[in-house]
Amino acid sequence: MTFTAGGCRDLRHHMNNPKVIEAFGKLISGRSGYMPIIEKRQEQLICSDCKHALIGDEKFCPECGAKVEKK
């Protein structure tokens, strides 16, 4: 287990666990059986050459024409 400054831990690997979702639903609603919708963010793609923000489905940057390589 890795700890960072301030005692924060990366718990994203627990997001899809049904028990965690159920506990979170009970915590925010005060009742059991509540199923929260957990928003999953996608990281913004940025052109490595010109730093232009990309939508995500481009093969080439519309600003400078550089090939977009997804990680």
Protein backbone atom coordinates (compact mmCIF):
# COMPACT_ATOMS: atom_id res chain seq x y z
CA MET A 1 0.00 0.00 0.00
CA THR A 2 1.37 3.39 -0.97
CA PHE A 3 0.77 6.50 1.12
CA THR A 4 1.17 10.02 -0.15
CA ALA A 5 1.62 13.33 1.64
CA GLY A 6 -1.31 14.12 3.91
CA GLY A 7 -2.36 10.49 4.27
CA CYS A 8 -4.34 10.41 1.03
CA ARG A 9 -4.69 7.01 -0.62
CA ASP A 10 -5.60 6.15 -4.20
CA LEU A 11 -8.80 4.11 -3.83
CA ARG A 12 -9.94 4.17 -7.48
CA HIS A 13 -9.42 0.41 -7.81
CA HIS A 14 -12.34 -0.06 -5.35
CA MET A 15 -14.84 1.99 -7.41
CA ASN A 16 -16.54 -0.97 -9.10
CA ASN A 17 -16.86 -3.09 -5.96
CA PRO A 18 -20.62 -3.64 -5.27
CA LYS A 19 -20.10 -3.48 -1.48
CA VAL A 20 -18.37 -0.10 -1.77
CA ILE A 21 -21.16 1.23 -4.01
CA GLU A 22 -23.80 0.01 -1.54
CA ALA A 23 -21.97 1.55 1.45
CA PHE A 24 -21.52 4.85 -0.40
CA GLY A 25 -25.22 4.88 -1.32
CA LYS A 26 -26.19 4.34 2.30
CA LEU A 27 -23.77 7.04 3.45
CA ILE A 28 -25.09 9.74 1.12
CA SER A 29 -28.80 8.87 1.31
CA GLY A 30 -29.16 7.62 4.87
CA ARG A 31 -31.00 4.46 3.75
CA SER A 32 -30.00 1.12 2.32
CA GLY A 33 -30.81 0.11 -1.21
CA TYR A 34 -29.90 3.50 -2.72
CA MET A 35 -27.67 3.05 -5.78
CA PRO A 36 -25.54 6.13 -6.48
CA ILE A 37 -24.34 6.99 -9.95
CA ILE A 38 -20.58 7.34 -9.82
CA GLU A 39 -19.22 9.60 -12.54
CA LYS A 40 -16.03 8.35 -14.13
CA ARG A 41 -13.88 11.08 -15.57
CA GLN A 42 -11.74 10.73 -18.63
CA GLU A 43 -8.46 12.54 -18.81
CA GLN A 44 -8.32 15.32 -21.39
CA LEU A 45 -6.10 14.50 -24.35
CA ILE A 46 -3.62 17.20 -25.30
CA CYS A 47 -1.43 17.37 -28.39
CA SER A 48 2.17 16.68 -27.44
CA ASP A 49 3.47 19.20 -30.00
CA CYS A 50 1.24 22.30 -29.74
CA LYS A 51 -0.63 21.56 -26.44
CA HIS A 52 -4.03 21.95 -28.17
CA ALA A 53 -6.94 20.28 -26.31
CA LEU A 54 -8.31 17.32 -28.28
CA ILE A 55 -11.76 15.72 -28.25
CA GLY A 56 -10.33 12.22 -28.21
CA ASP A 57 -11.28 10.65 -31.53
CA GLU A 58 -8.77 12.50 -33.72
CA LYS A 59 -5.92 10.70 -35.42
CA PHE A 60 -4.14 13.99 -36.15
CA CYS A 61 -4.16 17.29 -34.28
CA PRO A 62 -6.49 19.77 -36.03
CA GLU A 63 -4.25 22.66 -34.95
CA CYS A 64 -0.74 21.53 -35.99
CA GLY A 65 -1.31 18.23 -37.85
CA ALA A 66 0.83 16.10 -35.54
CA LYS A 67 -0.13 12.44 -35.18
CA VAL A 68 -2.08 11.81 -31.96
CA GLU A 69 -0.76 8.88 -29.94
CA LYS A 70 -3.07 7.63 -27.21
CA LYS A 71 -1.46 6.11 -24.11
